[in-house]
Structures are given as structure tokens and as C-alpha cells.
Amino acid sequence: MRKIIIMFFVCSCCCFGQQGKWTGASYSSSGPSYRGNVALSGLVVLNSEKHNEKHDVELSTTHGVQFNSYFFLGLGYGRLFVEENFVAYADAKINFLSAKNRSTVPFVDVRIGTTKEGLMYGVTGGVTLLSPNKKTGWVFYGGIQVMPYEDYYYSLDSYYPDSWNVGYFKLGVAFEFSLSASGLKR
């Protein structure tokens, strides 16, 4: 829990502390701007011989800096509801095309982070459908996410810990937004 609180604090300081300095919040702006999203994902277990849960639902939010039309870097956290687990992660997103004259932008996204059991990582790809002002959009994605899982096997006199990585196929939708810095100048 301490890791999640620290990641949230760092993310908040990095993202919200710089808003007054940013001039543009459009997806196609040339300079850095704040960008965030709220995502809902469905996860299906790929290697399920040891794992009891066959699926999960993740609600997550990511906040960070869109450096230009191609590169986003941020921090986020999420909640897995079936396993009752939290994730905190760093997120890098690379757009294949510039959003200046397009409303559809394909991308690849890489996450690395932590859960209460250990290291989590994943790669997703998808498409962002931008609004005409390029400040909001819907994101559709799919990919692979790997998370550690720990369980205990009990015998008559003691228990034996066992841990392994669980691979998930992930499909999701997110609402992406940016905040305009026009009213936030210091």
C-alpha cells in the first residue's frame, strides 16, 4: 500500500505541478501538455492450470505528459476486482502517426509496475479516436499483461508457498482527456 501511495504522490506532483507552465493541451501540440485517462479493461487468464480465477476486471487511471504528437510518459494506478489487487505503474505510449490532421491514431503502449506480489509488465496496442478539438478521445486497446500470483498449499502440519507469473489477454476502453492551461497561468 505504501508503494501505491508514493506512486500516486509522485504522479500528482509531476503532472499537476506543471500545469501553469504548459501552453497547449491539444493532442497535436508541439510542446509538452498534461494528459490523463480512465480505463476499464477485461482480462482473461492465458495460463490457467494453477490459477483459480479465469478472468478479472481492471479499473485504472494514468496521468502524465504528452511531449509531442508521438510520445506520452506517465504514472498510473489501478484496481483488479476479482483478485482484489492494486497495481501502480509507469506508462510509455508511442503513437505511430501524428494527430495534427487525423482523428484516428494507432499506438503501442508499454507498462511496468508493481502489485502486492511483485513486478507487473505488459504491452498493448490500439487506436485512439480523437474529438474534433483533439483534447479528448476514446481509446480502444488489446494486448498482454503479466502479473505475479502467490498462493499457499496446506498439508496436515504446515503450508507451502508457491508463486508464479500469470499471463492475461487484455481488452479495454479508455476515455482520454487533457486539461487546458489557459485558466491556470500563475
N, C-alpha and C. Protein backbone atom coordinates (compact mmCIF):
# COMPACT_ATOMS: atom_id res chain seq x y z
N MET A 1 0.82 -1.19 0.00
CA MET A 1 0.00 0.00 0.00
C MET A 1 0.87 1.26 0.00
N ARG A 2 2.01 1.18 0.69
CA ARG A 2 2.90 2.32 0.75
C ARG A 2 3.42 2.68 -0.65
N LYS A 3 3.73 1.66 -1.48
CA LYS A 3 4.21 1.90 -2.84
C LYS A 3 3.15 2.63 -3.67
N ILE A 4 1.91 2.25 -3.51
CA ILE A 4 0.82 2.88 -4.27
C ILE A 4 0.66 4.34 -3.87
N ILE A 5 0.73 4.62 -2.59
CA ILE A 5 0.60 6.00 -2.12
C ILE A 5 1.77 6.85 -2.62
N ILE A 6 2.97 6.31 -2.58
CA ILE A 6 4.13 7.04 -3.06
C ILE A 6 4.02 7.30 -4.56
N MET A 7 3.61 6.28 -5.35
CA MET A 7 3.45 6.46 -6.80
C MET A 7 2.38 7.51 -7.09
N PHE A 8 1.28 7.51 -6.36
CA PHE A 8 0.22 8.50 -6.56
C PHE A 8 0.75 9.90 -6.25
N PHE A 9 1.49 10.05 -5.16
CA PHE A 9 2.03 11.35 -4.78
C PHE A 9 3.00 11.87 -5.84
N VAL A 10 3.90 11.02 -6.32
CA VAL A 10 4.87 11.42 -7.35
C VAL A 10 4.15 11.82 -8.63
N CYS A 11 3.16 11.02 -9.02
CA CYS A 11 2.38 11.31 -10.23
C CYS A 11 1.67 12.65 -10.10
N SER A 12 1.06 12.89 -8.96
CA SER A 12 0.34 14.15 -8.75
C SER A 12 1.29 15.35 -8.81
N CYS A 13 2.44 15.23 -8.17
CA CYS A 13 3.40 16.33 -8.17
C CYS A 13 3.93 16.61 -9.57
N CYS A 14 4.25 15.56 -10.31
CA CYS A 14 4.81 15.72 -11.66
C CYS A 14 3.78 16.29 -12.61
N CYS A 15 2.57 15.79 -12.56
CA CYS A 15 1.56 16.16 -13.55
C CYS A 15 0.89 17.48 -13.22
N PHE A 16 0.42 17.64 -12.01
CA PHE A 16 -0.37 18.81 -11.67
C PHE A 16 0.48 20.02 -11.31
N GLY A 17 1.70 19.81 -10.89
CA GLY A 17 2.56 20.92 -10.51
C GLY A 17 3.03 21.75 -11.68
N GLN A 18 2.98 21.23 -12.90
CA GLN A 18 3.49 21.93 -14.06
C GLN A 18 2.41 22.55 -14.93
N GLN A 19 1.15 22.46 -14.56
CA GLN A 19 0.08 22.90 -15.44
C GLN A 19 0.17 24.37 -15.81
N GLY A 20 0.56 25.22 -14.91
CA GLY A 20 0.62 26.64 -15.21
C GLY A 20 1.68 27.00 -16.25
N LYS A 21 2.64 26.12 -16.50
CA LYS A 21 3.70 26.39 -17.45
C LYS A 21 3.37 25.89 -18.86
N TRP A 22 2.40 25.02 -19.01
CA TRP A 22 2.10 24.45 -20.31
C TRP A 22 1.22 25.39 -21.11
N THR A 23 1.53 25.53 -22.38
CA THR A 23 0.78 26.44 -23.23
C THR A 23 -0.32 25.74 -24.01
N GLY A 24 -0.15 24.48 -24.34
CA GLY A 24 -1.16 23.80 -25.15
C GLY A 24 -1.52 22.47 -24.56
N ALA A 25 -2.79 22.12 -24.67
CA ALA A 25 -3.23 20.83 -24.16
C ALA A 25 -3.78 19.96 -25.27
N SER A 26 -3.60 20.37 -26.50
CA SER A 26 -4.10 19.60 -27.63
C SER A 26 -3.19 18.41 -27.89
N TYR A 27 -3.76 17.33 -28.37
CA TYR A 27 -3.01 16.13 -28.70
C TYR A 27 -1.97 16.41 -29.77
N SER A 28 -2.22 17.38 -30.62
CA SER A 28 -1.32 17.67 -31.73
C SER A 28 -0.39 18.85 -31.45
N SER A 29 -0.34 19.33 -30.22
CA SER A 29 0.54 20.46 -29.91
C SER A 29 1.99 20.01 -29.97
N SER A 30 2.87 20.97 -30.23
CA SER A 30 4.28 20.63 -30.38
C SER A 30 5.01 20.55 -29.04
N GLY A 31 4.51 21.20 -28.01
CA GLY A 31 5.17 21.19 -26.71
C GLY A 31 4.51 20.23 -25.75
N PRO A 32 5.08 20.07 -24.56
CA PRO A 32 4.50 19.16 -23.57
C PRO A 32 3.17 19.68 -23.02
N SER A 33 2.27 18.74 -22.74
CA SER A 33 0.98 19.09 -22.16
C SER A 33 0.51 17.96 -21.26
N TYR A 34 -0.37 18.29 -20.31
CA TYR A 34 -0.92 17.29 -19.41
C TYR A 34 -1.92 16.41 -20.16
N ARG A 35 -1.90 15.09 -19.89
CA ARG A 35 -2.86 14.17 -20.48
C ARG A 35 -3.15 13.09 -19.45
N GLY A 36 -4.40 12.67 -19.40
CA GLY A 36 -4.78 11.61 -18.49
C GLY A 36 -5.85 10.74 -19.11
N ASN A 37 -6.09 9.59 -18.50
CA ASN A 37 -7.18 8.73 -18.96
C ASN A 37 -7.73 7.90 -17.82
N VAL A 38 -8.94 7.44 -18.02
CA VAL A 38 -9.59 6.50 -17.12
C VAL A 38 -9.98 5.30 -17.97
N ALA A 39 -9.55 4.11 -17.56
CA ALA A 39 -9.72 2.91 -18.40
C ALA A 39 -10.44 1.80 -17.66
N LEU A 40 -11.20 1.04 -18.42
CA LEU A 40 -11.86 -0.17 -17.94
C LEU A 40 -11.42 -1.32 -18.84
N SER A 41 -10.84 -2.36 -18.24
CA SER A 41 -10.28 -3.47 -19.01
C SER A 41 -10.83 -4.79 -18.52
N GLY A 42 -10.99 -5.71 -19.45
CA GLY A 42 -11.29 -7.09 -19.13
C GLY A 42 -10.05 -7.92 -19.35
N LEU A 43 -9.74 -8.81 -18.42
CA LEU A 43 -8.55 -9.65 -18.53
C LEU A 43 -8.97 -11.11 -18.49
N VAL A 44 -8.41 -11.91 -19.39
CA VAL A 44 -8.67 -13.35 -19.43
C VAL A 44 -7.35 -14.06 -19.24
N VAL A 45 -7.30 -15.03 -18.31
CA VAL A 45 -6.07 -15.74 -17.99
C VAL A 45 -5.67 -16.63 -19.16
N LEU A 46 -4.41 -16.57 -19.56
CA LEU A 46 -3.90 -17.40 -20.65
C LEU A 46 -3.34 -18.73 -20.15
N ASN A 47 -2.63 -18.72 -19.03
CA ASN A 47 -2.05 -19.95 -18.46
C ASN A 47 -2.78 -20.25 -17.15
N SER A 48 -3.82 -21.06 -17.22
CA SER A 48 -4.71 -21.20 -16.07
C SER A 48 -4.63 -22.53 -15.35
N GLU A 49 -3.60 -23.35 -15.58
CA GLU A 49 -3.55 -24.65 -14.91
C GLU A 49 -3.40 -24.53 -13.40
N LYS A 50 -2.73 -23.50 -12.89
CA LYS A 50 -2.58 -23.31 -11.46
C LYS A 50 -3.49 -22.22 -10.91
N HIS A 51 -3.93 -21.35 -11.77
CA HIS A 51 -4.64 -20.15 -11.34
C HIS A 51 -6.14 -20.41 -11.25
N ASN A 52 -6.74 -20.11 -10.10
CA ASN A 52 -8.16 -20.39 -9.89
C ASN A 52 -9.08 -19.44 -10.65
N GLU A 53 -8.71 -18.16 -10.69
CA GLU A 53 -9.56 -17.17 -11.36
C GLU A 53 -9.26 -17.18 -12.86
N LYS A 54 -10.28 -17.24 -13.68
CA LYS A 54 -10.10 -17.31 -15.13
C LYS A 54 -10.22 -15.95 -15.80
N HIS A 55 -10.62 -14.94 -15.07
CA HIS A 55 -10.83 -13.62 -15.63
C HIS A 55 -10.68 -12.57 -14.53
N ASP A 56 -10.59 -11.32 -14.94
CA ASP A 56 -10.56 -10.22 -13.98
C ASP A 56 -11.02 -8.94 -14.69
N VAL A 57 -11.34 -7.94 -13.90
CA VAL A 57 -11.74 -6.63 -14.40
C VAL A 57 -10.83 -5.61 -13.74
N GLU A 58 -10.27 -4.71 -14.56
CA GLU A 58 -9.35 -3.70 -14.04
C GLU A 58 -9.90 -2.31 -14.34
N LEU A 59 -9.92 -1.47 -13.32
CA LEU A 59 -10.25 -0.06 -13.47
C LEU A 59 -8.97 0.70 -13.13
N SER A 60 -8.49 1.52 -14.08
CA SER A 60 -7.21 2.20 -13.86
C SER A 60 -7.27 3.63 -14.36
N THR A 61 -6.33 4.43 -13.90
CA THR A 61 -6.18 5.80 -14.37
C THR A 61 -4.70 6.09 -14.53
N THR A 62 -4.37 6.80 -15.60
CA THR A 62 -3.00 7.16 -15.91
C THR A 62 -2.93 8.66 -16.16
N HIS A 63 -1.90 9.31 -15.64
CA HIS A 63 -1.73 10.75 -15.80
C HIS A 63 -0.27 11.03 -16.10
N GLY A 64 -0.03 11.97 -17.02
CA GLY A 64 1.36 12.27 -17.35
C GLY A 64 1.50 13.38 -18.37
N VAL A 65 2.58 13.33 -19.12
CA VAL A 65 2.95 14.38 -20.06
C VAL A 65 2.94 13.84 -21.48
N GLN A 66 2.19 14.53 -22.36
CA GLN A 66 2.24 14.27 -23.80
C GLN A 66 3.30 15.22 -24.33
N PHE A 67 4.49 14.69 -24.66
CA PHE A 67 5.61 15.53 -25.05
C PHE A 67 5.45 16.14 -26.44
N ASN A 68 4.89 15.39 -27.36
CA ASN A 68 4.60 15.86 -28.71
C ASN A 68 3.49 14.96 -29.26
N SER A 69 3.26 14.98 -30.54
CA SER A 69 2.19 14.16 -31.11
C SER A 69 2.47 12.66 -31.02
N TYR A 70 3.71 12.29 -30.73
CA TYR A 70 4.10 10.89 -30.79
C TYR A 70 4.36 10.22 -29.44
N PHE A 71 4.74 10.95 -28.39
CA PHE A 71 5.24 10.30 -27.18
C PHE A 71 4.56 10.81 -25.92
N PHE A 72 4.06 9.85 -25.10
CA PHE A 72 3.44 10.11 -23.81
C PHE A 72 4.19 9.32 -22.74
N LEU A 73 4.40 9.92 -21.59
CA LEU A 73 5.02 9.25 -20.46
C LEU A 73 4.23 9.63 -19.21
N GLY A 74 3.80 8.62 -18.43
CA GLY A 74 3.00 8.92 -17.25
C GLY A 74 3.10 7.85 -16.19
N LEU A 75 2.38 8.08 -15.11
CA LEU A 75 2.28 7.15 -13.99
C LEU A 75 0.80 6.87 -13.76
N GLY A 76 0.51 5.67 -13.26
CA GLY A 76 -0.88 5.35 -13.02
C GLY A 76 -1.05 4.31 -11.94
N TYR A 77 -2.30 4.08 -11.61
CA TYR A 77 -2.63 3.04 -10.64
C TYR A 77 -3.99 2.47 -11.02
N GLY A 78 -4.21 1.24 -10.57
CA GLY A 78 -5.45 0.58 -10.92
C GLY A 78 -5.86 -0.42 -9.86
N ARG A 79 -7.06 -0.96 -10.06
CA ARG A 79 -7.64 -1.92 -9.11
C ARG A 79 -8.15 -3.10 -9.89
N LEU A 80 -7.69 -4.30 -9.52
CA LEU A 80 -8.22 -5.55 -10.06
C LEU A 80 -9.29 -6.03 -9.09
N PHE A 81 -10.50 -6.24 -9.58
CA PHE A 81 -11.62 -6.50 -8.69
C PHE A 81 -11.76 -7.96 -8.28
N VAL A 82 -11.52 -8.91 -9.15
CA VAL A 82 -11.69 -10.32 -8.80
C VAL A 82 -10.59 -10.78 -7.84
N GLU A 83 -9.34 -10.43 -8.14
CA GLU A 83 -8.22 -10.82 -7.28
C GLU A 83 -8.04 -9.89 -6.10
N GLU A 84 -8.78 -8.78 -6.06
CA GLU A 84 -8.65 -7.78 -5.01
C GLU A 84 -7.20 -7.34 -4.87
N ASN A 85 -6.63 -6.82 -5.96
CA ASN A 85 -5.24 -6.42 -6.02
C ASN A 85 -5.14 -5.01 -6.58
N PHE A 86 -4.11 -4.29 -6.18
CA PHE A 86 -3.84 -2.96 -6.71
C PHE A 86 -2.58 -3.02 -7.57
N VAL A 87 -2.51 -2.17 -8.61
CA VAL A 87 -1.30 -2.05 -9.42
C VAL A 87 -0.90 -0.59 -9.48
N ALA A 88 0.38 -0.32 -9.44
CA ALA A 88 0.95 1.01 -9.65
C ALA A 88 2.00 0.85 -10.73
N TYR A 89 2.03 1.74 -11.72
CA TYR A 89 2.87 1.50 -12.88
C TYR A 89 3.34 2.79 -13.54
N ALA A 90 4.41 2.65 -14.32
CA ALA A 90 4.89 3.69 -15.24
C ALA A 90 4.41 3.29 -16.62
N ASP A 91 4.02 4.27 -17.43
CA ASP A 91 3.39 4.01 -18.72
C ASP A 91 4.06 4.84 -19.80
N ALA A 92 4.46 4.20 -20.90
CA ALA A 92 5.02 4.90 -22.06
C ALA A 92 4.17 4.53 -23.28
N LYS A 93 3.69 5.54 -23.98
CA LYS A 93 2.82 5.32 -25.14
C LYS A 93 3.45 6.01 -26.35
N ILE A 94 3.57 5.27 -27.45
CA ILE A 94 4.13 5.80 -28.68
C ILE A 94 3.07 5.74 -29.76
N ASN A 95 2.73 6.89 -30.32
CA ASN A 95 1.79 6.97 -31.44
C ASN A 95 2.56 6.78 -32.74
N PHE A 96 1.98 6.00 -33.66
CA PHE A 96 2.64 5.75 -34.94
C PHE A 96 2.47 6.91 -35.92
N LEU A 97 1.41 7.68 -35.78
CA LEU A 97 1.10 8.78 -36.69
C LEU A 97 0.86 10.05 -35.89
N SER A 98 1.11 11.18 -36.50
CA SER A 98 0.81 12.46 -35.88
C SER A 98 -0.70 12.70 -35.88
N ALA A 99 -1.18 13.37 -34.85
CA ALA A 99 -2.62 13.63 -34.72
C ALA A 99 -3.03 14.96 -35.33
N LYS A 100 -2.12 15.68 -35.97
CA LYS A 100 -2.43 17.01 -36.46
C LYS A 100 -3.58 17.04 -37.46
N ASN A 101 -3.59 16.13 -38.41
CA ASN A 101 -4.64 16.12 -39.44
C ASN A 101 -5.46 14.84 -39.40
N ARG A 102 -5.42 14.11 -38.29
CA ARG A 102 -6.11 12.83 -38.20
C ARG A 102 -7.02 12.80 -36.97
N SER A 103 -8.06 12.02 -37.08
CA SER A 103 -8.91 11.79 -35.90
C SER A 103 -8.70 10.38 -35.35
N THR A 104 -7.95 9.54 -36.06
CA THR A 104 -7.65 8.17 -35.63
C THR A 104 -6.14 8.00 -35.56
N VAL A 105 -5.64 7.59 -34.38
CA VAL A 105 -4.20 7.48 -34.17
C VAL A 105 -3.87 6.10 -33.59
N PRO A 106 -3.15 5.23 -34.33
CA PRO A 106 -2.73 3.94 -33.78
C PRO A 106 -1.52 4.12 -32.85
N PHE A 107 -1.40 3.22 -31.87
CA PHE A 107 -0.32 3.36 -30.87
C PHE A 107 0.10 2.01 -30.33
N VAL A 108 1.23 2.00 -29.63
CA VAL A 108 1.68 0.88 -28.81
C VAL A 108 1.98 1.46 -27.43
N ASP A 109 1.66 0.69 -26.39
CA ASP A 109 1.76 1.16 -25.01
C ASP A 109 2.52 0.11 -24.19
N VAL A 110 3.48 0.55 -23.39
CA VAL A 110 4.26 -0.36 -22.55
C VAL A 110 4.11 0.09 -21.10
N ARG A 111 3.78 -0.87 -20.22
CA ARG A 111 3.64 -0.59 -18.79
C ARG A 111 4.57 -1.50 -18.01
N ILE A 112 5.14 -0.93 -16.95
CA ILE A 112 5.89 -1.73 -15.99
C ILE A 112 5.57 -1.17 -14.61
N GLY A 113 5.31 -2.06 -13.66
CA GLY A 113 4.91 -1.58 -12.35
C GLY A 113 4.98 -2.66 -11.29
N THR A 114 4.20 -2.46 -10.25
CA THR A 114 4.23 -3.37 -9.11
C THR A 114 2.82 -3.67 -8.62
N THR A 115 2.66 -4.88 -8.09
CA THR A 115 1.45 -5.28 -7.39
C THR A 115 1.88 -5.69 -5.98
N LYS A 116 0.93 -6.16 -5.17
CA LYS A 116 1.33 -6.57 -3.82
C LYS A 116 2.20 -7.84 -3.84
N GLU A 117 2.19 -8.60 -4.96
CA GLU A 117 3.02 -9.80 -5.07
C GLU A 117 4.34 -9.56 -5.78
N GLY A 118 4.49 -8.46 -6.54
CA GLY A 118 5.75 -8.23 -7.23
C GLY A 118 5.59 -7.46 -8.53
N LEU A 119 6.50 -7.72 -9.48
CA LEU A 119 6.61 -6.98 -10.72
C LEU A 119 5.48 -7.32 -11.71
N MET A 120 4.91 -6.28 -12.34
CA MET A 120 3.88 -6.41 -13.36
C MET A 120 4.39 -5.72 -14.63
N TYR A 121 4.14 -6.30 -15.80
CA TYR A 121 4.51 -5.65 -17.05
C TYR A 121 3.52 -6.05 -18.14
N GLY A 122 3.45 -5.21 -19.16
CA GLY A 122 2.51 -5.51 -20.24
C GLY A 122 2.75 -4.64 -21.46
N VAL A 123 2.28 -5.14 -22.60
CA VAL A 123 2.36 -4.42 -23.86
C VAL A 123 0.98 -4.47 -24.51
N THR A 124 0.46 -3.33 -24.90
CA THR A 124 -0.82 -3.28 -25.59
C THR A 124 -0.68 -2.42 -26.85
N GLY A 125 -1.57 -2.63 -27.76
CA GLY A 125 -1.65 -1.83 -28.97
C GLY A 125 -3.10 -1.46 -29.19
N GLY A 126 -3.33 -0.37 -29.91
CA GLY A 126 -4.71 0.02 -30.12
C GLY A 126 -4.82 1.25 -30.98
N VAL A 127 -5.97 1.88 -30.86
CA VAL A 127 -6.25 3.07 -31.65
C VAL A 127 -6.97 4.09 -30.76
N THR A 128 -6.63 5.37 -30.96
CA THR A 128 -7.29 6.47 -30.27
C THR A 128 -8.17 7.20 -31.27
N LEU A 129 -9.45 7.36 -30.93
CA LEU A 129 -10.39 8.13 -31.75
C LEU A 129 -10.56 9.49 -31.10
N LEU A 130 -9.99 10.52 -31.72
CA LEU A 130 -9.96 11.85 -31.13
C LEU A 130 -11.19 12.66 -31.48
N SER A 131 -11.57 13.57 -30.59
CA SER A 131 -12.64 14.52 -30.86
C SER A 131 -12.11 15.58 -31.84
N PRO A 132 -12.98 16.38 -32.45
CA PRO A 132 -12.50 17.41 -33.39
C PRO A 132 -11.52 18.41 -32.80
N ASN A 133 -11.65 18.74 -31.51
CA ASN A 133 -10.69 19.68 -30.91
C ASN A 133 -9.40 19.01 -30.45
N LYS A 134 -9.32 17.69 -30.55
CA LYS A 134 -8.15 16.88 -30.21
C LYS A 134 -7.75 16.98 -28.74
N LYS A 135 -8.70 17.33 -27.87
CA LYS A 135 -8.42 17.41 -26.43
C LYS A 135 -8.99 16.23 -25.66
N THR A 136 -9.92 15.50 -26.27
CA THR A 136 -10.47 14.29 -25.66
C THR A 136 -10.56 13.21 -26.71
N GLY A 137 -10.71 11.99 -26.26
CA GLY A 137 -10.84 10.90 -27.20
C GLY A 137 -11.14 9.58 -26.51
N TRP A 138 -11.59 8.62 -27.29
CA TRP A 138 -11.83 7.27 -26.81
C TRP A 138 -10.69 6.39 -27.29
N VAL A 139 -10.18 5.54 -26.40
CA VAL A 139 -9.06 4.67 -26.71
C VAL A 139 -9.55 3.23 -26.63
N PHE A 140 -9.27 2.46 -27.67
CA PHE A 140 -9.60 1.03 -27.71
C PHE A 140 -8.29 0.26 -27.84
N TYR A 141 -8.07 -0.75 -26.99
CA TYR A 141 -6.78 -1.43 -26.99
C TYR A 141 -6.91 -2.90 -26.63
N GLY A 142 -5.85 -3.64 -26.93
CA GLY A 142 -5.75 -5.05 -26.59
C GLY A 142 -4.29 -5.42 -26.48
N GLY A 143 -3.98 -6.44 -25.69
CA GLY A 143 -2.59 -6.85 -25.55
C GLY A 143 -2.40 -7.88 -24.46
N ILE A 144 -1.17 -7.99 -23.99
CA ILE A 144 -0.77 -8.99 -23.00
C ILE A 144 -0.31 -8.26 -21.74
N GLN A 145 -0.69 -8.79 -20.58
CA GLN A 145 -0.23 -8.27 -19.29
C GLN A 145 0.18 -9.46 -18.43
N VAL A 146 1.34 -9.36 -17.79
CA VAL A 146 1.85 -10.43 -16.93
C VAL A 146 1.97 -9.90 -15.51
N MET A 147 1.40 -10.66 -14.56
CA MET A 147 1.45 -10.27 -13.16
C MET A 147 1.81 -11.48 -12.31
N PRO A 148 2.52 -11.27 -11.20
CA PRO A 148 2.83 -12.38 -10.31
C PRO A 148 1.59 -12.79 -9.51
N TYR A 149 1.56 -14.03 -9.12
CA TYR A 149 0.47 -14.54 -8.29
C TYR A 149 1.08 -15.44 -7.24
N GLU A 150 0.57 -15.35 -6.03
CA GLU A 150 1.10 -16.14 -4.93
C GLU A 150 -0.04 -16.89 -4.25
N ASP A 151 0.20 -18.14 -3.93
CA ASP A 151 -0.81 -18.95 -3.27
C ASP A 151 -0.11 -19.86 -2.27
N TYR A 152 -0.89 -20.47 -1.40
CA TYR A 152 -0.34 -21.37 -0.38
C TYR A 152 -1.06 -22.70 -0.46
N TYR A 153 -0.26 -23.77 -0.36
CA TYR A 153 -0.83 -25.12 -0.33
C TYR A 153 -0.66 -25.66 1.08
N TYR A 154 -1.73 -26.14 1.63
CA TYR A 154 -1.72 -26.59 3.02
C TYR A 154 -1.65 -28.11 3.09
N SER A 155 -0.88 -28.60 4.06
CA SER A 155 -0.87 -30.02 4.38
C SER A 155 -1.30 -30.17 5.83
N LEU A 156 -1.16 -31.31 6.40
CA LEU A 156 -1.63 -31.53 7.77
C LEU A 156 -0.88 -30.70 8.79
N ASP A 157 0.42 -30.49 8.61
CA ASP A 157 1.20 -29.81 9.64
C ASP A 157 1.72 -28.42 9.24
N SER A 158 1.69 -28.05 7.98
CA SER A 158 2.21 -26.74 7.59
C SER A 158 1.66 -26.33 6.22
N TYR A 159 2.12 -25.19 5.74
CA TYR A 159 1.71 -24.74 4.42
C TYR A 159 2.96 -24.46 3.58
N TYR A 160 2.79 -24.51 2.28
CA TYR A 160 3.89 -24.32 1.35
C TYR A 160 3.55 -23.18 0.40
N PRO A 161 4.35 -22.12 0.42
CA PRO A 161 4.09 -21.02 -0.52
C PRO A 161 4.49 -21.41 -1.95
N ASP A 162 3.73 -20.92 -2.89
CA ASP A 162 4.02 -21.16 -4.30
C ASP A 162 3.69 -19.87 -5.05
N SER A 163 4.57 -19.46 -5.94
CA SER A 163 4.31 -18.26 -6.71
C SER A 163 4.69 -18.51 -8.17
N TRP A 164 4.00 -17.83 -9.06
CA TRP A 164 4.24 -17.95 -10.49
C TRP A 164 3.68 -16.72 -11.18
N ASN A 165 4.07 -16.52 -12.43
CA ASN A 165 3.55 -15.42 -13.22
C ASN A 165 2.30 -15.85 -13.96
N VAL A 166 1.32 -14.98 -13.99
CA VAL A 166 0.07 -15.23 -14.68
C VAL A 166 0.00 -14.29 -15.88
N GLY A 167 -0.21 -14.86 -17.06
CA GLY A 167 -0.36 -14.06 -18.26
C GLY A 167 -1.83 -13.82 -18.56
N TYR A 168 -2.15 -12.59 -18.89
CA TYR A 168 -3.52 -12.20 -19.20
C TYR A 168 -3.60 -11.66 -20.62
N PHE A 169 -4.68 -11.95 -21.31
CA PHE A 169 -5.03 -11.23 -22.53
C PHE A 169 -5.96 -10.12 -22.09
N LYS A 170 -5.66 -8.90 -22.53
CA LYS A 170 -6.35 -7.72 -22.02
C LYS A 170 -7.04 -6.98 -23.16
N LEU A 171 -8.32 -6.67 -22.99
CA LEU A 171 -9.08 -5.82 -23.90
C LEU A 171 -9.70 -4.70 -23.08
N GLY A 172 -9.67 -3.48 -23.62
CA GLY A 172 -10.22 -2.40 -22.83
C GLY A 172 -10.59 -1.18 -23.63
N VAL A 173 -11.25 -0.27 -22.93
CA VAL A 173 -11.63 1.02 -23.47
C VAL A 173 -11.29 2.08 -22.43
N ALA A 174 -10.86 3.25 -22.91
CA ALA A 174 -10.48 4.34 -22.00
C ALA A 174 -11.01 5.65 -22.54
N PHE A 175 -11.30 6.56 -21.63
CA PHE A 175 -11.61 7.93 -22.02
C PHE A 175 -10.38 8.75 -21.71
N GLU A 176 -9.83 9.41 -22.73
CA GLU A 176 -8.61 10.18 -22.59
C GLU A 176 -8.94 11.66 -22.65
N PHE A 177 -8.24 12.45 -21.85
CA PHE A 177 -8.55 13.88 -21.77
C PHE A 177 -7.27 14.67 -21.52
N SER A 178 -7.35 15.95 -21.80
CA SER A 178 -6.26 16.87 -21.47
C SER A 178 -6.88 18.10 -20.84
N LEU A 179 -6.14 18.75 -19.98
CA LEU A 179 -6.62 19.95 -19.32
C LEU A 179 -5.95 21.15 -19.96
N SER A 180 -6.76 22.12 -20.28
CA SER A 180 -6.24 23.34 -20.87
C SER A 180 -5.56 24.17 -19.80
N ALA A 181 -4.42 24.72 -20.11
CA ALA A 181 -3.69 25.55 -19.15
C ALA A 181 -4.07 27.01 -19.24
N SER A 182 -5.06 27.35 -20.06
CA SER A 182 -5.40 28.77 -20.29
C SER A 182 -5.85 29.47 -19.00
N GLY A 183 -6.60 28.79 -18.15
CA GLY A 183 -7.06 29.43 -16.93
C GLY A 183 -6.16 29.19 -15.74
N LEU A 184 -5.02 28.53 -15.95
CA LEU A 184 -4.18 28.13 -14.83
C LEU A 184 -2.88 28.90 -14.77
N LYS A 185 -2.70 29.95 -15.52
CA LYS A 185 -1.44 30.70 -15.53
C LYS A 185 -1.19 31.33 -14.17
N ARG A 186 0.04 31.29 -13.75
CA ARG A 186 0.41 31.85 -12.43
C ARG A 186 0.81 33.28 -12.57
